[in-house]
N, C-alpha and C. Protein backbone atom coordinates (compact mmCIF):
# COMPACT_ATOMS: atom_id res chain seq x y z
N MET A 1 9.31 55.72 -19.03
CA MET A 1 9.31 57.26 -19.08
C MET A 1 10.36 57.74 -18.12
N ILE A 2 11.18 58.63 -18.61
CA ILE A 2 12.19 59.23 -17.77
C ILE A 2 11.81 60.69 -17.55
N ALA A 3 11.36 61.02 -16.30
CA ALA A 3 10.88 62.31 -15.99
C ALA A 3 11.88 63.27 -15.44
N SER A 4 12.94 62.67 -14.83
CA SER A 4 14.01 63.50 -14.19
C SER A 4 15.23 62.62 -13.99
N LEU A 5 16.37 63.31 -13.94
CA LEU A 5 17.62 62.63 -13.66
C LEU A 5 18.40 63.40 -12.56
N ARG A 6 19.02 62.68 -11.67
CA ARG A 6 19.88 63.25 -10.68
C ARG A 6 21.23 62.50 -10.66
N GLY A 7 22.34 63.18 -10.87
CA GLY A 7 23.63 62.52 -10.90
C GLY A 7 24.73 63.45 -11.14
N THR A 8 25.90 62.96 -11.55
CA THR A 8 27.13 63.78 -11.77
C THR A 8 27.34 64.00 -13.27
N LEU A 9 27.58 65.21 -13.60
CA LEU A 9 27.89 65.63 -14.94
C LEU A 9 29.21 65.15 -15.36
N ILE A 10 29.30 64.24 -16.35
CA ILE A 10 30.65 63.69 -16.72
C ILE A 10 31.12 64.19 -18.09
N VAL A 11 30.16 64.65 -18.92
CA VAL A 11 30.51 65.13 -20.25
C VAL A 11 29.70 66.40 -20.49
N LEU A 12 30.39 67.46 -21.03
CA LEU A 12 29.78 68.73 -21.45
C LEU A 12 30.33 69.11 -22.75
N ALA A 13 29.60 68.85 -23.83
CA ALA A 13 29.99 69.15 -25.11
C ALA A 13 28.92 70.03 -25.82
N GLY A 14 29.08 71.40 -25.78
CA GLY A 14 28.12 72.27 -26.35
C GLY A 14 26.83 72.09 -25.54
N THR A 15 25.74 71.77 -26.26
CA THR A 15 24.43 71.62 -25.54
C THR A 15 24.18 70.13 -25.25
N ARG A 16 25.14 69.27 -25.46
CA ARG A 16 25.00 67.88 -25.12
C ARG A 16 25.70 67.54 -23.85
N VAL A 17 25.03 66.94 -22.90
CA VAL A 17 25.63 66.56 -21.56
C VAL A 17 25.38 65.14 -21.35
N VAL A 18 26.24 64.52 -20.61
CA VAL A 18 26.07 63.15 -20.09
C VAL A 18 26.06 63.22 -18.58
N ILE A 19 24.94 62.65 -18.05
CA ILE A 19 24.80 62.51 -16.55
C ILE A 19 24.96 61.13 -16.12
N ASP A 20 25.95 60.90 -15.19
CA ASP A 20 26.12 59.53 -14.66
C ASP A 20 25.17 59.39 -13.48
N VAL A 21 24.28 58.44 -13.66
CA VAL A 21 23.31 58.13 -12.65
C VAL A 21 23.51 56.61 -12.19
N ALA A 22 24.08 56.42 -11.08
CA ALA A 22 24.38 55.05 -10.53
C ALA A 22 25.14 54.25 -11.58
N GLY A 23 26.09 54.85 -12.23
CA GLY A 23 26.93 54.08 -13.19
C GLY A 23 26.34 54.01 -14.60
N VAL A 24 25.15 54.64 -14.84
CA VAL A 24 24.62 54.62 -16.20
C VAL A 24 24.75 56.07 -16.72
N GLY A 25 25.25 56.25 -17.90
CA GLY A 25 25.43 57.53 -18.47
C GLY A 25 24.21 57.89 -19.38
N TYR A 26 23.50 58.96 -19.07
CA TYR A 26 22.40 59.42 -19.89
C TYR A 26 22.80 60.69 -20.69
N ALA A 27 22.72 60.57 -21.98
CA ALA A 27 22.97 61.71 -22.91
C ALA A 27 21.75 62.56 -22.96
N VAL A 28 21.86 63.86 -22.68
CA VAL A 28 20.70 64.79 -22.59
C VAL A 28 21.09 66.07 -23.38
N ALA A 29 20.13 66.55 -24.07
CA ALA A 29 20.26 67.87 -24.80
C ALA A 29 19.71 68.94 -23.83
N VAL A 30 20.50 70.06 -23.66
CA VAL A 30 20.09 71.13 -22.75
C VAL A 30 20.16 72.38 -23.56
N THR A 31 19.66 73.52 -23.06
CA THR A 31 19.69 74.84 -23.75
C THR A 31 21.11 75.36 -23.63
N GLU A 32 21.40 76.24 -24.55
CA GLU A 32 22.69 76.95 -24.52
C GLU A 32 22.89 77.70 -23.19
N ARG A 33 21.80 78.33 -22.78
CA ARG A 33 21.83 79.09 -21.55
C ARG A 33 22.18 78.22 -20.29
N HIS A 34 21.50 77.06 -20.26
CA HIS A 34 21.75 76.15 -19.19
C HIS A 34 23.12 75.57 -19.25
N ALA A 35 23.63 75.21 -20.41
CA ALA A 35 24.98 74.59 -20.60
C ALA A 35 26.02 75.53 -20.01
N ARG A 36 25.86 76.92 -20.29
CA ARG A 36 26.90 77.82 -19.77
C ARG A 36 27.01 77.80 -18.22
N GLU A 37 25.99 77.35 -17.48
CA GLU A 37 25.97 77.33 -16.08
C GLU A 37 26.55 76.05 -15.56
N LEU A 38 26.81 75.04 -16.36
CA LEU A 38 27.22 73.70 -15.90
C LEU A 38 28.68 73.54 -16.01
N ARG A 39 29.22 72.70 -15.10
CA ARG A 39 30.68 72.29 -15.13
C ARG A 39 30.77 70.80 -14.95
N VAL A 40 31.72 70.23 -15.60
CA VAL A 40 31.98 68.77 -15.45
C VAL A 40 32.33 68.52 -13.91
N GLY A 41 31.64 67.48 -13.37
CA GLY A 41 31.85 67.16 -11.98
C GLY A 41 30.71 67.71 -11.09
N ASP A 42 29.88 68.58 -11.65
CA ASP A 42 28.74 69.03 -10.84
C ASP A 42 27.77 67.94 -10.58
N SER A 43 27.13 68.02 -9.43
CA SER A 43 25.95 67.22 -9.10
C SER A 43 24.76 67.98 -9.62
N VAL A 44 23.99 67.35 -10.53
CA VAL A 44 22.87 68.11 -11.14
C VAL A 44 21.63 67.28 -11.12
N ARG A 45 20.53 68.00 -11.20
CA ARG A 45 19.19 67.42 -11.41
C ARG A 45 18.55 68.06 -12.59
N LEU A 46 18.05 67.28 -13.48
CA LEU A 46 17.38 67.79 -14.69
C LEU A 46 15.95 67.25 -14.78
N HIS A 47 15.02 68.10 -15.05
CA HIS A 47 13.66 67.67 -15.44
C HIS A 47 13.70 67.41 -16.87
N THR A 48 13.28 66.17 -17.32
CA THR A 48 13.45 65.74 -18.68
C THR A 48 12.17 65.35 -19.48
N ALA A 49 12.33 65.55 -20.70
CA ALA A 49 11.27 65.09 -21.62
C ALA A 49 11.88 64.05 -22.58
N LEU A 50 11.24 62.89 -22.65
CA LEU A 50 11.77 61.87 -23.56
C LEU A 50 10.93 61.92 -24.84
N VAL A 51 11.61 62.27 -25.97
CA VAL A 51 10.94 62.36 -27.24
C VAL A 51 11.28 61.14 -28.05
N VAL A 52 10.19 60.39 -28.44
CA VAL A 52 10.36 59.08 -29.14
C VAL A 52 9.97 59.25 -30.57
N ARG A 53 10.82 58.83 -31.50
CA ARG A 53 10.57 58.80 -32.90
C ARG A 53 10.79 57.35 -33.41
N GLU A 54 10.41 57.06 -34.65
CA GLU A 54 10.60 55.70 -35.15
C GLU A 54 12.03 55.31 -35.08
N ASP A 55 12.97 56.22 -35.34
CA ASP A 55 14.40 55.83 -35.41
C ASP A 55 15.25 56.51 -34.37
N ASP A 56 14.56 57.08 -33.27
CA ASP A 56 15.44 57.87 -32.38
C ASP A 56 14.66 57.97 -31.05
N MET A 57 15.41 57.95 -29.92
CA MET A 57 14.87 58.34 -28.65
C MET A 57 15.81 59.32 -28.00
N SER A 58 15.33 60.51 -27.78
CA SER A 58 16.18 61.60 -27.29
C SER A 58 15.65 62.20 -25.96
N LEU A 59 16.62 62.50 -25.00
CA LEU A 59 16.28 63.16 -23.80
C LEU A 59 16.59 64.66 -23.90
N TYR A 60 15.68 65.47 -23.42
CA TYR A 60 15.86 66.91 -23.36
C TYR A 60 15.72 67.33 -21.87
N GLY A 61 16.72 68.09 -21.37
CA GLY A 61 16.76 68.36 -19.94
C GLY A 61 16.61 69.82 -19.62
N PHE A 62 15.99 70.15 -18.44
CA PHE A 62 15.74 71.50 -18.04
C PHE A 62 15.96 71.69 -16.55
N ALA A 63 16.33 72.89 -16.21
CA ALA A 63 16.64 73.23 -14.81
C ALA A 63 15.44 73.13 -13.90
N ASP A 64 14.25 73.45 -14.42
CA ASP A 64 13.02 73.45 -13.60
C ASP A 64 11.83 73.06 -14.48
N GLU A 65 10.68 72.90 -13.77
CA GLU A 65 9.46 72.42 -14.41
C GLU A 65 8.81 73.53 -15.26
N ILE A 66 9.09 74.78 -14.99
CA ILE A 66 8.57 75.92 -15.79
C ILE A 66 9.16 75.77 -17.26
N GLU A 67 10.48 75.63 -17.36
CA GLU A 67 11.02 75.53 -18.69
C GLU A 67 10.60 74.21 -19.43
N LEU A 68 10.44 73.17 -18.63
CA LEU A 68 9.97 71.86 -19.23
C LEU A 68 8.54 72.08 -19.70
N GLY A 69 7.71 72.73 -19.01
CA GLY A 69 6.33 73.02 -19.39
C GLY A 69 6.25 73.79 -20.68
N LEU A 70 7.11 74.83 -20.71
CA LEU A 70 7.20 75.71 -21.89
C LEU A 70 7.70 74.87 -23.10
N PHE A 71 8.65 74.03 -22.88
CA PHE A 71 9.16 73.12 -23.98
C PHE A 71 8.05 72.36 -24.56
N GLU A 72 7.17 71.74 -23.68
CA GLU A 72 6.06 70.96 -24.15
C GLU A 72 5.05 71.83 -24.92
N LEU A 73 4.80 73.05 -24.40
CA LEU A 73 3.89 73.93 -25.04
C LEU A 73 4.39 74.35 -26.46
N LEU A 74 5.60 74.68 -26.53
CA LEU A 74 6.19 75.11 -27.79
C LEU A 74 6.10 73.98 -28.83
N ARG A 75 6.19 72.81 -28.42
CA ARG A 75 6.13 71.65 -29.31
C ARG A 75 4.75 71.40 -29.85
N THR A 76 3.75 72.05 -29.22
CA THR A 76 2.36 71.89 -29.74
C THR A 76 2.14 72.79 -30.92
N VAL A 77 3.03 73.72 -31.19
CA VAL A 77 2.94 74.61 -32.33
C VAL A 77 3.39 73.93 -33.63
N SER A 78 2.57 74.06 -34.64
CA SER A 78 2.97 73.43 -35.96
C SER A 78 4.33 73.93 -36.40
N GLY A 79 5.18 72.99 -36.74
CA GLY A 79 6.47 73.39 -37.25
C GLY A 79 7.54 73.54 -36.24
N VAL A 80 7.23 73.41 -34.99
CA VAL A 80 8.18 73.57 -33.86
C VAL A 80 8.47 72.13 -33.29
N GLY A 81 9.58 71.61 -33.59
CA GLY A 81 10.01 70.33 -33.15
C GLY A 81 10.85 70.53 -31.82
N PRO A 82 11.36 69.41 -31.20
CA PRO A 82 12.13 69.59 -29.98
C PRO A 82 13.40 70.39 -30.11
N LYS A 83 14.11 70.34 -31.18
CA LYS A 83 15.32 71.13 -31.33
C LYS A 83 14.99 72.65 -31.46
N SER A 84 13.93 72.92 -32.18
CA SER A 84 13.53 74.35 -32.29
C SER A 84 13.05 74.86 -30.95
N ALA A 85 12.29 74.05 -30.24
CA ALA A 85 11.79 74.47 -28.94
C ALA A 85 12.95 74.73 -27.94
N LEU A 86 13.93 73.84 -28.04
CA LEU A 86 15.12 73.99 -27.19
C LEU A 86 15.85 75.28 -27.54
N GLY A 87 15.90 75.55 -28.86
CA GLY A 87 16.59 76.78 -29.27
C GLY A 87 15.87 78.10 -28.76
N VAL A 88 14.57 78.05 -28.79
CA VAL A 88 13.79 79.19 -28.24
C VAL A 88 14.12 79.41 -26.79
N LEU A 89 14.16 78.28 -25.96
CA LEU A 89 14.39 78.38 -24.55
C LEU A 89 15.92 78.72 -24.23
N GLY A 90 16.72 78.44 -25.22
CA GLY A 90 18.15 78.80 -25.00
C GLY A 90 18.43 80.24 -25.22
N GLU A 91 17.52 80.93 -26.05
CA GLU A 91 17.68 82.29 -26.38
C GLU A 91 16.80 83.20 -25.46
N MET A 92 15.71 82.71 -24.98
CA MET A 92 14.72 83.54 -24.25
C MET A 92 14.35 82.90 -22.91
N THR A 93 14.26 83.76 -21.89
CA THR A 93 13.76 83.29 -20.61
C THR A 93 12.31 83.04 -20.63
N PRO A 94 11.84 82.24 -19.68
CA PRO A 94 10.33 82.06 -19.67
C PRO A 94 9.53 83.37 -19.62
N ASP A 95 10.05 84.38 -18.78
CA ASP A 95 9.38 85.66 -18.77
C ASP A 95 9.43 86.38 -20.11
N ALA A 96 10.56 86.25 -20.81
CA ALA A 96 10.65 86.89 -22.13
C ALA A 96 9.67 86.26 -23.12
N ILE A 97 9.52 84.98 -23.05
CA ILE A 97 8.59 84.29 -23.93
C ILE A 97 7.17 84.69 -23.63
N ALA A 98 6.78 84.73 -22.41
CA ALA A 98 5.43 85.15 -22.02
C ALA A 98 5.16 86.58 -22.32
N ARG A 99 6.19 87.46 -22.20
CA ARG A 99 5.99 88.87 -22.52
C ARG A 99 5.82 89.13 -23.97
N ALA A 100 6.63 88.44 -24.79
CA ALA A 100 6.44 88.53 -26.26
C ALA A 100 5.08 88.09 -26.74
N ILE A 101 4.60 86.97 -26.17
CA ILE A 101 3.29 86.45 -26.58
C ILE A 101 2.19 87.40 -26.18
N ALA A 102 2.27 87.91 -24.95
CA ALA A 102 1.26 88.87 -24.47
C ALA A 102 1.26 90.09 -25.29
N ALA A 103 2.35 90.51 -25.80
CA ALA A 103 2.43 91.73 -26.61
C ALA A 103 2.19 91.44 -28.14
N ASP A 104 1.90 90.19 -28.47
CA ASP A 104 1.77 89.84 -29.83
C ASP A 104 2.95 90.25 -30.67
N ASP A 105 4.15 89.97 -30.13
CA ASP A 105 5.41 90.37 -30.76
C ASP A 105 6.20 89.11 -31.22
N ASP A 106 6.27 88.91 -32.48
CA ASP A 106 7.01 87.63 -32.91
C ASP A 106 8.53 87.99 -33.16
N ALA A 107 8.93 89.20 -33.07
CA ALA A 107 10.31 89.55 -33.38
C ALA A 107 11.28 88.75 -32.60
N PRO A 108 11.13 88.58 -31.24
CA PRO A 108 12.08 87.83 -30.48
C PRO A 108 12.23 86.37 -30.96
N PHE A 109 11.15 85.82 -31.43
CA PHE A 109 11.19 84.43 -31.85
C PHE A 109 11.90 84.28 -33.25
N ARG A 110 11.69 85.38 -34.07
CA ARG A 110 12.35 85.39 -35.41
C ARG A 110 13.89 85.47 -35.27
N ALA A 111 14.35 86.00 -34.08
CA ALA A 111 15.74 86.17 -33.88
C ALA A 111 16.44 84.87 -33.44
N VAL A 112 15.62 83.81 -33.17
CA VAL A 112 16.11 82.54 -32.71
C VAL A 112 16.55 81.73 -33.99
N SER A 113 17.73 81.16 -34.04
CA SER A 113 18.21 80.44 -35.16
C SER A 113 17.25 79.24 -35.40
N GLY A 114 16.86 79.09 -36.66
CA GLY A 114 16.05 77.97 -37.01
C GLY A 114 14.51 78.27 -37.00
N ILE A 115 14.16 79.40 -36.47
CA ILE A 115 12.74 79.84 -36.48
C ILE A 115 12.50 80.95 -37.50
N GLY A 116 11.75 80.58 -38.53
CA GLY A 116 11.48 81.60 -39.55
C GLY A 116 10.29 82.44 -39.22
N PRO A 117 9.99 83.45 -40.10
CA PRO A 117 8.96 84.43 -39.81
C PRO A 117 7.56 83.76 -39.65
N LYS A 118 7.27 82.76 -40.47
CA LYS A 118 6.01 82.05 -40.43
C LYS A 118 5.83 81.32 -39.11
N THR A 119 6.88 80.62 -38.70
CA THR A 119 6.83 79.85 -37.54
C THR A 119 6.76 80.72 -36.25
N ALA A 120 7.56 81.88 -36.34
CA ALA A 120 7.50 82.80 -35.20
C ALA A 120 6.09 83.34 -34.99
N LYS A 121 5.42 83.70 -36.10
CA LYS A 121 4.03 84.15 -35.96
C LYS A 121 3.13 83.09 -35.37
N LEU A 122 3.33 81.86 -35.90
CA LEU A 122 2.50 80.75 -35.39
C LEU A 122 2.68 80.52 -33.88
N ILE A 123 3.89 80.73 -33.37
CA ILE A 123 4.14 80.54 -31.95
C ILE A 123 3.28 81.54 -31.21
N VAL A 124 3.34 82.84 -31.58
CA VAL A 124 2.54 83.93 -30.94
C VAL A 124 1.07 83.63 -31.01
N VAL A 125 0.59 83.32 -32.14
CA VAL A 125 -0.85 83.04 -32.28
C VAL A 125 -1.31 81.84 -31.57
N SER A 126 -0.55 80.74 -31.61
CA SER A 126 -0.89 79.44 -31.01
C SER A 126 -0.95 79.51 -29.50
N LEU A 127 0.08 80.24 -28.95
CA LEU A 127 0.20 80.27 -27.47
C LEU A 127 -0.47 81.45 -26.82
N ALA A 128 -1.16 82.30 -27.60
CA ALA A 128 -1.87 83.45 -27.03
C ALA A 128 -2.90 82.98 -26.04
N GLY A 129 -2.86 83.54 -24.81
CA GLY A 129 -3.82 83.15 -23.80
C GLY A 129 -3.43 81.92 -22.96
N LYS A 130 -2.30 81.27 -23.36
CA LYS A 130 -1.90 80.05 -22.67
C LYS A 130 -0.77 80.34 -21.63
N LEU A 131 -0.31 81.49 -21.63
CA LEU A 131 0.81 81.79 -20.64
C LEU A 131 0.46 83.08 -19.84
N LEU A 132 0.81 83.09 -18.61
CA LEU A 132 0.57 84.24 -17.74
C LEU A 132 1.75 85.19 -17.96
N ALA A 133 1.44 86.39 -18.51
CA ALA A 133 2.44 87.40 -18.75
C ALA A 133 3.02 87.98 -17.49
N PRO A 134 4.28 88.35 -17.51
CA PRO A 134 4.85 88.99 -16.32
C PRO A 134 4.09 90.34 -15.97
N VAL A 135 4.09 90.68 -14.73
CA VAL A 135 3.38 91.83 -14.22
C VAL A 135 3.87 93.08 -15.08
N GLY A 136 2.93 93.91 -15.53
CA GLY A 136 3.28 95.05 -16.24
C GLY A 136 3.17 95.01 -17.75
N THR A 137 2.89 93.79 -18.24
CA THR A 137 2.84 93.66 -19.73
C THR A 137 1.39 93.61 -20.20
N ALA A 138 0.42 93.47 -19.33
CA ALA A 138 -0.96 93.39 -19.68
C ALA A 138 -1.83 93.84 -18.52
N PRO A 139 -3.04 94.39 -18.82
CA PRO A 139 -3.94 94.79 -17.71
C PRO A 139 -4.31 93.56 -16.85
N VAL A 140 -4.34 93.86 -15.52
CA VAL A 140 -4.83 92.89 -14.63
C VAL A 140 -5.93 93.39 -13.85
N GLY A 141 -6.69 92.53 -13.08
CA GLY A 141 -7.67 93.04 -12.28
C GLY A 141 -9.05 93.21 -12.94
N SER A 142 -9.10 92.80 -14.24
CA SER A 142 -10.34 92.86 -14.97
C SER A 142 -11.15 91.56 -14.65
N PRO A 143 -12.48 91.50 -14.91
CA PRO A 143 -13.22 90.32 -14.67
C PRO A 143 -12.62 89.06 -15.39
N ALA A 144 -11.94 89.27 -16.51
CA ALA A 144 -11.45 88.13 -17.26
C ALA A 144 -10.13 87.68 -16.73
N ALA A 145 -9.45 88.43 -15.85
CA ALA A 145 -8.19 88.07 -15.39
C ALA A 145 -8.07 86.72 -14.73
N PRO A 146 -8.98 86.36 -13.71
CA PRO A 146 -8.89 85.03 -13.07
C PRO A 146 -9.01 83.92 -14.14
N ALA A 147 -9.85 84.03 -15.15
CA ALA A 147 -9.95 83.03 -16.13
C ALA A 147 -8.73 82.86 -16.97
N ALA A 148 -8.04 83.98 -17.31
CA ALA A 148 -6.86 83.92 -18.08
C ALA A 148 -5.71 83.30 -17.29
N VAL A 149 -5.70 83.62 -16.02
CA VAL A 149 -4.58 83.01 -15.09
C VAL A 149 -4.82 81.54 -14.99
N THR A 150 -6.10 81.13 -14.79
CA THR A 150 -6.44 79.70 -14.74
C THR A 150 -6.05 79.01 -15.94
N ALA A 151 -6.35 79.50 -17.12
CA ALA A 151 -6.06 78.89 -18.42
C ALA A 151 -4.49 78.72 -18.53
N SER A 152 -3.78 79.80 -18.18
CA SER A 152 -2.36 79.74 -18.25
C SER A 152 -1.77 78.61 -17.39
N LEU A 153 -2.25 78.57 -16.13
CA LEU A 153 -1.73 77.60 -15.12
C LEU A 153 -2.13 76.17 -15.62
N ALA A 154 -3.36 75.99 -16.09
CA ALA A 154 -3.82 74.65 -16.56
C ALA A 154 -2.97 74.22 -17.73
N ALA A 155 -2.60 75.16 -18.63
CA ALA A 155 -1.76 74.82 -19.76
C ALA A 155 -0.42 74.30 -19.39
N ALA A 156 0.19 74.96 -18.35
CA ALA A 156 1.51 74.57 -17.81
C ALA A 156 1.41 73.15 -17.21
N LEU A 157 0.35 72.87 -16.49
CA LEU A 157 0.13 71.56 -15.83
C LEU A 157 -0.12 70.52 -16.90
N THR A 158 -0.86 70.85 -17.98
CA THR A 158 -1.05 69.88 -19.07
C THR A 158 0.22 69.56 -19.72
N GLY A 159 1.06 70.57 -19.94
CA GLY A 159 2.40 70.31 -20.54
C GLY A 159 3.25 69.41 -19.71
N LEU A 160 3.03 69.32 -18.40
CA LEU A 160 3.76 68.47 -17.50
C LEU A 160 3.19 67.09 -17.44
N GLY A 161 2.08 66.81 -18.09
CA GLY A 161 1.57 65.47 -18.24
C GLY A 161 0.21 65.20 -17.56
N TRP A 162 -0.30 66.21 -16.87
CA TRP A 162 -1.61 66.01 -16.28
C TRP A 162 -2.79 66.06 -17.19
N PRO A 163 -3.76 65.25 -17.03
CA PRO A 163 -4.96 65.28 -17.88
C PRO A 163 -5.65 66.70 -17.81
N GLU A 164 -6.19 67.15 -18.94
CA GLU A 164 -6.72 68.46 -18.99
C GLU A 164 -7.73 68.74 -17.91
N ARG A 165 -8.67 67.83 -17.62
CA ARG A 165 -9.68 68.02 -16.61
C ARG A 165 -9.03 68.21 -15.23
N THR A 166 -8.09 67.37 -14.88
CA THR A 166 -7.40 67.44 -13.64
C THR A 166 -6.62 68.77 -13.48
N ALA A 167 -5.96 69.11 -14.60
CA ALA A 167 -5.15 70.34 -14.55
C ALA A 167 -6.08 71.58 -14.38
N LEU A 168 -7.23 71.60 -15.01
CA LEU A 168 -8.18 72.66 -14.92
C LEU A 168 -8.67 72.81 -13.47
N ASP A 169 -9.03 71.68 -12.92
CA ASP A 169 -9.59 71.66 -11.54
C ASP A 169 -8.60 72.19 -10.54
N ALA A 170 -7.31 71.74 -10.67
CA ALA A 170 -6.29 72.18 -9.74
C ALA A 170 -5.98 73.67 -9.92
N ALA A 171 -5.86 74.10 -11.20
CA ALA A 171 -5.62 75.49 -11.53
C ALA A 171 -6.69 76.37 -10.90
N ALA A 172 -7.94 75.98 -11.10
CA ALA A 172 -9.08 76.79 -10.53
C ALA A 172 -8.99 76.87 -9.04
N GLN A 173 -8.66 75.77 -8.42
CA GLN A 173 -8.55 75.78 -6.91
C GLN A 173 -7.47 76.73 -6.46
N VAL A 174 -6.32 76.71 -7.15
CA VAL A 174 -5.19 77.59 -6.74
C VAL A 174 -5.55 79.05 -6.91
N VAL A 175 -6.15 79.40 -8.11
CA VAL A 175 -6.55 80.76 -8.42
C VAL A 175 -7.62 81.27 -7.45
N GLU A 176 -8.59 80.41 -7.22
CA GLU A 176 -9.66 80.87 -6.28
C GLU A 176 -9.15 81.18 -4.91
N ALA A 177 -8.05 80.46 -4.55
CA ALA A 177 -7.55 80.64 -3.13
C ALA A 177 -6.63 81.85 -3.02
N ASP A 178 -6.33 82.49 -4.14
CA ASP A 178 -5.39 83.59 -4.19
C ASP A 178 -6.04 84.82 -4.85
N PRO A 179 -6.52 85.83 -4.03
CA PRO A 179 -7.15 87.00 -4.67
C PRO A 179 -6.25 87.79 -5.48
N ASP A 180 -4.92 87.62 -5.30
CA ASP A 180 -3.91 88.38 -6.14
C ASP A 180 -3.25 87.45 -7.23
N ALA A 181 -3.98 86.41 -7.59
CA ALA A 181 -3.37 85.44 -8.51
C ALA A 181 -2.81 86.06 -9.83
N ALA A 182 -3.53 87.18 -10.29
CA ALA A 182 -3.16 87.77 -11.52
C ALA A 182 -1.73 88.42 -11.48
N THR A 183 -1.27 88.74 -10.23
CA THR A 183 0.06 89.35 -10.10
C THR A 183 1.10 88.39 -9.33
N THR A 184 0.63 87.20 -8.98
CA THR A 184 1.50 86.36 -8.18
C THR A 184 2.66 85.82 -9.04
N GLY A 185 2.35 85.43 -10.25
CA GLY A 185 3.37 84.83 -11.14
C GLY A 185 3.20 83.34 -11.32
N LEU A 186 3.47 82.88 -12.52
CA LEU A 186 3.14 81.50 -12.83
C LEU A 186 4.05 80.50 -12.05
N ALA A 187 5.27 80.84 -11.79
CA ALA A 187 6.13 79.88 -11.04
C ALA A 187 5.55 79.60 -9.66
N VAL A 188 5.10 80.58 -9.01
CA VAL A 188 4.54 80.42 -7.64
C VAL A 188 3.22 79.58 -7.75
N LEU A 189 2.42 80.05 -8.65
CA LEU A 189 1.13 79.27 -8.82
C LEU A 189 1.33 77.79 -9.21
N LEU A 190 2.29 77.54 -10.02
CA LEU A 190 2.56 76.21 -10.44
C LEU A 190 3.06 75.39 -9.28
N ARG A 191 3.90 75.91 -8.44
CA ARG A 191 4.32 75.15 -7.22
C ARG A 191 3.20 74.80 -6.34
N ARG A 192 2.25 75.75 -6.17
CA ARG A 192 1.05 75.51 -5.34
C ARG A 192 0.20 74.38 -5.98
N ALA A 193 0.05 74.45 -7.30
CA ALA A 193 -0.77 73.43 -7.93
C ALA A 193 -0.13 71.98 -7.85
N LEU A 194 1.21 71.95 -7.98
CA LEU A 194 1.90 70.68 -7.91
C LEU A 194 1.85 70.12 -6.50
N SER A 195 1.81 71.02 -5.46
CA SER A 195 1.72 70.54 -4.09
C SER A 195 0.35 69.88 -3.86
N ILE A 196 -0.65 70.31 -4.58
CA ILE A 196 -1.96 69.73 -4.49
C ILE A 196 -2.05 68.38 -5.22
N LEU A 197 -1.45 68.38 -6.46
CA LEU A 197 -1.54 67.19 -7.35
C LEU A 197 -0.49 66.12 -7.05
N GLY A 198 0.71 66.53 -6.38
CA GLY A 198 1.71 65.54 -6.16
C GLY A 198 2.66 65.49 -7.38
N PRO A 199 3.52 64.48 -7.44
CA PRO A 199 4.50 64.34 -8.59
C PRO A 199 3.77 64.35 -9.91
N ALA A 200 4.41 64.93 -10.87
CA ALA A 200 3.76 64.94 -12.24
C ALA A 200 3.74 63.49 -12.81
N ARG A 201 2.70 63.18 -13.48
CA ARG A 201 2.52 61.86 -14.06
C ARG A 201 3.24 61.82 -15.38
N GLY A 202 3.50 60.62 -15.84
CA GLY A 202 4.18 60.39 -17.12
C GLY A 202 3.31 60.95 -18.23
N ARG A 203 3.93 61.72 -19.13
CA ARG A 203 3.25 62.27 -20.28
C ARG A 203 3.40 61.37 -21.49
N SER A 204 2.53 61.48 -22.48
CA SER A 204 2.62 60.76 -23.67
C SER A 204 3.57 61.41 -24.55
N ASP A 205 4.57 60.69 -25.09
CA ASP A 205 5.60 61.21 -25.99
C ASP A 205 5.36 60.78 -27.37
N GLY A 206 5.06 61.83 -28.20
CA GLY A 206 4.89 61.55 -29.65
C GLY A 206 6.01 61.99 -30.42
N ALA A 207 5.81 62.03 -31.73
CA ALA A 207 6.93 62.44 -32.56
C ALA A 207 7.14 63.88 -32.56
N GLY A 208 6.10 64.69 -32.24
CA GLY A 208 6.23 66.14 -32.28
C GLY A 208 6.41 66.67 -33.61
N GLY A 209 6.73 67.96 -33.77
CA GLY A 209 6.88 68.57 -35.03
C GLY A 209 8.23 68.33 -35.57
N GLY A 210 8.58 68.99 -36.72
CA GLY A 210 9.91 68.96 -37.19
C GLY A 210 10.87 69.80 -36.45
N SER A 211 12.13 69.60 -36.63
CA SER A 211 13.07 70.31 -35.90
C SER A 211 13.73 71.34 -36.74
């Protein structure tokens, strides 16, 4: 399992990059948004997902664990393969994805190349309640808010490879310790949970959906 790479960027060809790690070149697919920020010769670190199929092994790389977690969540949606998930993350920021899902708005996903109306709707329906929306997009402070935040955080941890029970326990611990968890933001909560759990464990890599 390859969970991350740190090395020198030696090839940048569209969304395909090659990272030299101790003399070994790893070909990695990245988002268009991420590729625009990279330059050959840069020292880079990528959080990676290894997708294994019968005739192919592909690495997908991300700047942080938030995007990696979203990549894994998107792949749980029927009809969304790794290439489509990468396309979504290349067009939309994590906040934009969470905002669209909280608003039950599939239009931003339909605007992504390769995502049709049916798949866009499935993304919104399938991920409803699994992401913490940015502040201002949904009511907070209601009795259900802590549970929603816990579910969102647990889903992100599960996407990073933690067992569901372990992820739920850690998420509950983090949310209970923060009376303002509903407005804190997923990135901050995720960092706190990871400090409790330690390095993410290897996740099981299946074939995923179609691309």
